[in-house]
Amino acid sequence: MNVDGARLRWRCRRGMRELDQLLGWWLDVRYPLSGDVEKAAFSTLLDEPDPQLWDWLSDRAVPENPMWQRIVDEIRHRDRV
C-alpha cells in the first residue's frame, strides 16, 4: 500500500472496533475500484466524529452529503456489493 493508503488505513482506526472493521472493509474492497471523487469523499467522511459515523452506518441517521450516503450504503449493504 502506498503512503496515502497507509494514511487512510490509520484514519480508519477509530474508537470502536466495529467502525474499524466497517471502514476498513470499504478501504480494502471499494476504494481501489473508486474514482477520484469517491476517494476524496471517503477521505472527508473520515473527518466526521465516531458517534456520527456510527449513527450513519447503523441506519440511525442519514448523511447530508450524497457521496457520503453512497459510501455508507455500500458499507451497510456490503454483503450485496
N, C-alpha and C. Protein backbone atom coordinates (compact mmCIF):
# COMPACT_ATOMS: atom_id res chain seq x y z
N MET A 1 0.85 -1.17 0.00
CA MET A 1 0.00 0.00 0.00
C MET A 1 0.89 1.24 0.00
N ASN A 2 0.50 2.25 -0.77
CA ASN A 2 1.29 3.47 -0.85
C ASN A 2 1.11 4.31 0.42
N VAL A 3 1.82 5.43 0.46
CA VAL A 3 1.78 6.30 1.65
C VAL A 3 0.37 6.82 1.91
N ASP A 4 -0.33 7.25 0.84
CA ASP A 4 -1.69 7.76 1.03
C ASP A 4 -2.61 6.66 1.56
N GLY A 5 -2.45 5.46 1.04
CA GLY A 5 -3.26 4.33 1.52
C GLY A 5 -2.98 4.02 2.98
N ALA A 6 -1.72 4.11 3.37
CA ALA A 6 -1.36 3.86 4.76
C ALA A 6 -1.97 4.93 5.68
N ARG A 7 -1.99 6.17 5.20
CA ARG A 7 -2.61 7.24 6.00
C ARG A 7 -4.11 7.00 6.15
N LEU A 8 -4.75 6.60 5.06
CA LEU A 8 -6.18 6.30 5.14
C LEU A 8 -6.44 5.13 6.07
N ARG A 9 -5.60 4.12 6.00
CA ARG A 9 -5.75 2.96 6.89
C ARG A 9 -5.69 3.43 8.34
N TRP A 10 -4.74 4.29 8.65
CA TRP A 10 -4.61 4.81 10.02
C TRP A 10 -5.85 5.61 10.41
N ARG A 11 -6.38 6.41 9.47
CA ARG A 11 -7.57 7.21 9.75
C ARG A 11 -8.83 6.36 9.92
N CYS A 12 -8.81 5.15 9.38
CA CYS A 12 -9.95 4.23 9.55
C CYS A 12 -9.97 3.63 10.95
N ARG A 13 -8.87 3.73 11.65
CA ARG A 13 -8.82 3.21 13.03
C ARG A 13 -9.56 4.18 13.92
N ARG A 14 -10.61 3.69 14.53
CA ARG A 14 -11.49 4.54 15.32
C ARG A 14 -11.53 4.06 16.76
N GLY A 15 -12.37 4.69 17.54
CA GLY A 15 -12.54 4.30 18.93
C GLY A 15 -13.42 3.08 19.12
N MET A 16 -14.07 2.66 18.05
CA MET A 16 -14.95 1.48 18.09
C MET A 16 -14.44 0.44 17.10
N ARG A 17 -14.29 -0.75 17.58
CA ARG A 17 -13.81 -1.83 16.72
C ARG A 17 -14.73 -2.04 15.51
N GLU A 18 -16.03 -1.89 15.74
CA GLU A 18 -17.00 -2.08 14.66
C GLU A 18 -16.76 -1.07 13.54
N LEU A 19 -16.48 0.18 13.92
CA LEU A 19 -16.18 1.19 12.90
C LEU A 19 -14.90 0.86 12.17
N ASP A 20 -13.88 0.41 12.89
CA ASP A 20 -12.62 -0.01 12.26
C ASP A 20 -12.90 -1.02 11.16
N GLN A 21 -13.69 -2.01 11.48
CA GLN A 21 -13.96 -3.09 10.54
C GLN A 21 -14.77 -2.61 9.34
N LEU A 22 -15.79 -1.81 9.59
CA LEU A 22 -16.65 -1.33 8.51
C LEU A 22 -15.90 -0.40 7.56
N LEU A 23 -15.20 0.56 8.12
CA LEU A 23 -14.45 1.49 7.30
C LEU A 23 -13.29 0.80 6.60
N GLY A 24 -12.64 -0.13 7.30
CA GLY A 24 -11.55 -0.89 6.70
C GLY A 24 -12.02 -1.75 5.54
N TRP A 25 -13.24 -2.29 5.65
CA TRP A 25 -13.80 -3.07 4.54
C TRP A 25 -13.90 -2.21 3.29
N TRP A 26 -14.45 -0.99 3.44
CA TRP A 26 -14.61 -0.13 2.27
C TRP A 26 -13.25 0.23 1.69
N LEU A 27 -12.29 0.52 2.56
CA LEU A 27 -10.95 0.85 2.09
C LEU A 27 -10.33 -0.31 1.32
N ASP A 28 -10.50 -1.52 1.81
CA ASP A 28 -9.91 -2.69 1.15
C ASP A 28 -10.61 -3.09 -0.14
N VAL A 29 -11.94 -3.05 -0.12
CA VAL A 29 -12.72 -3.60 -1.23
C VAL A 29 -13.13 -2.56 -2.26
N ARG A 30 -13.66 -1.45 -1.81
CA ARG A 30 -14.24 -0.47 -2.72
C ARG A 30 -13.28 0.64 -3.14
N TYR A 31 -12.41 1.06 -2.25
CA TYR A 31 -11.50 2.17 -2.54
C TYR A 31 -10.67 1.93 -3.80
N PRO A 32 -10.07 0.75 -3.97
CA PRO A 32 -9.25 0.54 -5.17
C PRO A 32 -10.04 0.65 -6.48
N LEU A 33 -11.34 0.43 -6.43
CA LEU A 33 -12.19 0.46 -7.62
C LEU A 33 -12.86 1.82 -7.84
N SER A 34 -12.66 2.73 -6.91
CA SER A 34 -13.37 4.01 -6.92
C SER A 34 -12.63 5.07 -7.72
N GLY A 35 -13.40 6.05 -8.18
CA GLY A 35 -12.83 7.20 -8.87
C GLY A 35 -12.32 8.23 -7.88
N ASP A 36 -11.70 9.26 -8.41
CA ASP A 36 -11.11 10.30 -7.56
C ASP A 36 -12.14 11.01 -6.68
N VAL A 37 -13.32 11.26 -7.22
CA VAL A 37 -14.35 11.96 -6.45
C VAL A 37 -14.79 11.12 -5.26
N GLU A 38 -15.00 9.84 -5.49
CA GLU A 38 -15.43 8.96 -4.40
C GLU A 38 -14.31 8.77 -3.37
N LYS A 39 -13.08 8.68 -3.83
CA LYS A 39 -11.95 8.57 -2.91
C LYS A 39 -11.85 9.81 -2.03
N ALA A 40 -12.03 10.98 -2.63
CA ALA A 40 -11.99 12.23 -1.86
C ALA A 40 -13.14 12.27 -0.85
N ALA A 41 -14.31 11.80 -1.26
CA ALA A 41 -15.46 11.78 -0.36
C ALA A 41 -15.18 10.87 0.84
N PHE A 42 -14.56 9.72 0.59
CA PHE A 42 -14.22 8.81 1.69
C PHE A 42 -13.25 9.49 2.66
N SER A 43 -12.28 10.18 2.12
CA SER A 43 -11.31 10.87 2.96
C SER A 43 -11.98 11.91 3.84
N THR A 44 -12.92 12.68 3.29
CA THR A 44 -13.61 13.69 4.10
C THR A 44 -14.60 13.04 5.07
N LEU A 45 -15.16 11.92 4.68
CA LEU A 45 -16.04 11.17 5.59
C LEU A 45 -15.30 10.79 6.87
N LEU A 46 -14.04 10.46 6.74
CA LEU A 46 -13.24 10.05 7.89
C LEU A 46 -12.97 11.20 8.87
N ASP A 47 -13.28 12.43 8.46
CA ASP A 47 -13.13 13.58 9.35
C ASP A 47 -14.28 13.68 10.35
N GLU A 48 -15.34 12.95 10.10
CA GLU A 48 -16.51 13.02 10.97
C GLU A 48 -16.27 12.26 12.28
N PRO A 49 -16.90 12.70 13.36
CA PRO A 49 -16.71 12.03 14.66
C PRO A 49 -17.33 10.63 14.69
N ASP A 50 -16.77 9.79 15.52
CA ASP A 50 -17.23 8.40 15.63
C ASP A 50 -18.73 8.26 15.87
N PRO A 51 -19.32 9.02 16.81
CA PRO A 51 -20.76 8.84 17.04
C PRO A 51 -21.59 9.14 15.79
N GLN A 52 -21.18 10.13 15.02
CA GLN A 52 -21.90 10.46 13.79
C GLN A 52 -21.76 9.33 12.77
N LEU A 53 -20.54 8.84 12.59
CA LEU A 53 -20.31 7.73 11.66
C LEU A 53 -21.13 6.51 12.07
N TRP A 54 -21.14 6.22 13.35
CA TRP A 54 -21.89 5.06 13.83
C TRP A 54 -23.38 5.21 13.57
N ASP A 55 -23.91 6.40 13.80
CA ASP A 55 -25.33 6.63 13.52
C ASP A 55 -25.64 6.40 12.04
N TRP A 56 -24.77 6.87 11.17
CA TRP A 56 -24.99 6.66 9.73
C TRP A 56 -24.89 5.19 9.36
N LEU A 57 -23.86 4.54 9.85
CA LEU A 57 -23.62 3.15 9.46
C LEU A 57 -24.61 2.18 10.09
N SER A 58 -25.21 2.57 11.20
CA SER A 58 -26.22 1.72 11.84
C SER A 58 -27.64 2.14 11.43
N ASP A 59 -27.73 3.01 10.44
CA ASP A 59 -29.01 3.43 9.85
C ASP A 59 -29.89 4.20 10.84
N ARG A 60 -29.25 4.93 11.75
CA ARG A 60 -29.99 5.78 12.70
C ARG A 60 -30.10 7.21 12.20
N ALA A 61 -29.28 7.55 11.21
CA ALA A 61 -29.27 8.89 10.64
C ALA A 61 -28.78 8.78 9.20
N VAL A 62 -28.93 9.88 8.48
CA VAL A 62 -28.54 9.92 7.07
C VAL A 62 -27.60 11.10 6.86
N PRO A 63 -26.45 10.86 6.24
CA PRO A 63 -25.56 11.99 5.97
C PRO A 63 -26.17 12.93 4.92
N GLU A 64 -25.91 14.21 5.05
CA GLU A 64 -26.43 15.17 4.09
C GLU A 64 -25.68 15.11 2.76
N ASN A 65 -24.43 14.77 2.80
CA ASN A 65 -23.61 14.69 1.59
C ASN A 65 -23.99 13.43 0.80
N PRO A 66 -24.46 13.58 -0.44
CA PRO A 66 -24.89 12.41 -1.21
C PRO A 66 -23.76 11.41 -1.49
N MET A 67 -22.53 11.88 -1.62
CA MET A 67 -21.41 10.95 -1.84
C MET A 67 -21.16 10.13 -0.58
N TRP A 68 -21.28 10.77 0.58
CA TRP A 68 -21.13 10.03 1.83
C TRP A 68 -22.23 8.99 1.95
N GLN A 69 -23.45 9.38 1.55
CA GLN A 69 -24.57 8.44 1.63
C GLN A 69 -24.30 7.22 0.75
N ARG A 70 -23.73 7.44 -0.40
CA ARG A 70 -23.41 6.32 -1.29
C ARG A 70 -22.41 5.36 -0.63
N ILE A 71 -21.39 5.92 -0.01
CA ILE A 71 -20.38 5.10 0.68
C ILE A 71 -21.01 4.38 1.86
N VAL A 72 -21.81 5.10 2.63
CA VAL A 72 -22.50 4.50 3.78
C VAL A 72 -23.38 3.34 3.32
N ASP A 73 -24.12 3.55 2.24
CA ASP A 73 -24.97 2.48 1.71
C ASP A 73 -24.16 1.26 1.29
N GLU A 74 -23.02 1.50 0.65
CA GLU A 74 -22.17 0.37 0.24
C GLU A 74 -21.67 -0.40 1.46
N ILE A 75 -21.31 0.32 2.50
CA ILE A 75 -20.83 -0.35 3.71
C ILE A 75 -21.96 -1.13 4.37
N ARG A 76 -23.11 -0.50 4.50
CA ARG A 76 -24.24 -1.17 5.16
C ARG A 76 -24.73 -2.38 4.37
N HIS A 77 -24.57 -2.35 3.09
CA HIS A 77 -25.05 -3.46 2.24
C HIS A 77 -23.87 -4.20 1.60
N ARG A 78 -22.77 -4.28 2.33
CA ARG A 78 -21.54 -4.85 1.80
C ARG A 78 -21.67 -6.30 1.37
N ASP A 79 -22.60 -7.03 1.94
CA ASP A 79 -22.77 -8.43 1.55
C ASP A 79 -23.38 -8.54 0.14
N ARG A 80 -23.92 -7.43 -0.37
CA ARG A 80 -24.51 -7.42 -1.71
C ARG A 80 -23.62 -6.77 -2.74
N VAL A 81 -22.52 -6.17 -2.30
CA VAL A 81 -21.63 -5.44 -3.23
C VAL A 81 -20.63 -6.39 -3.82
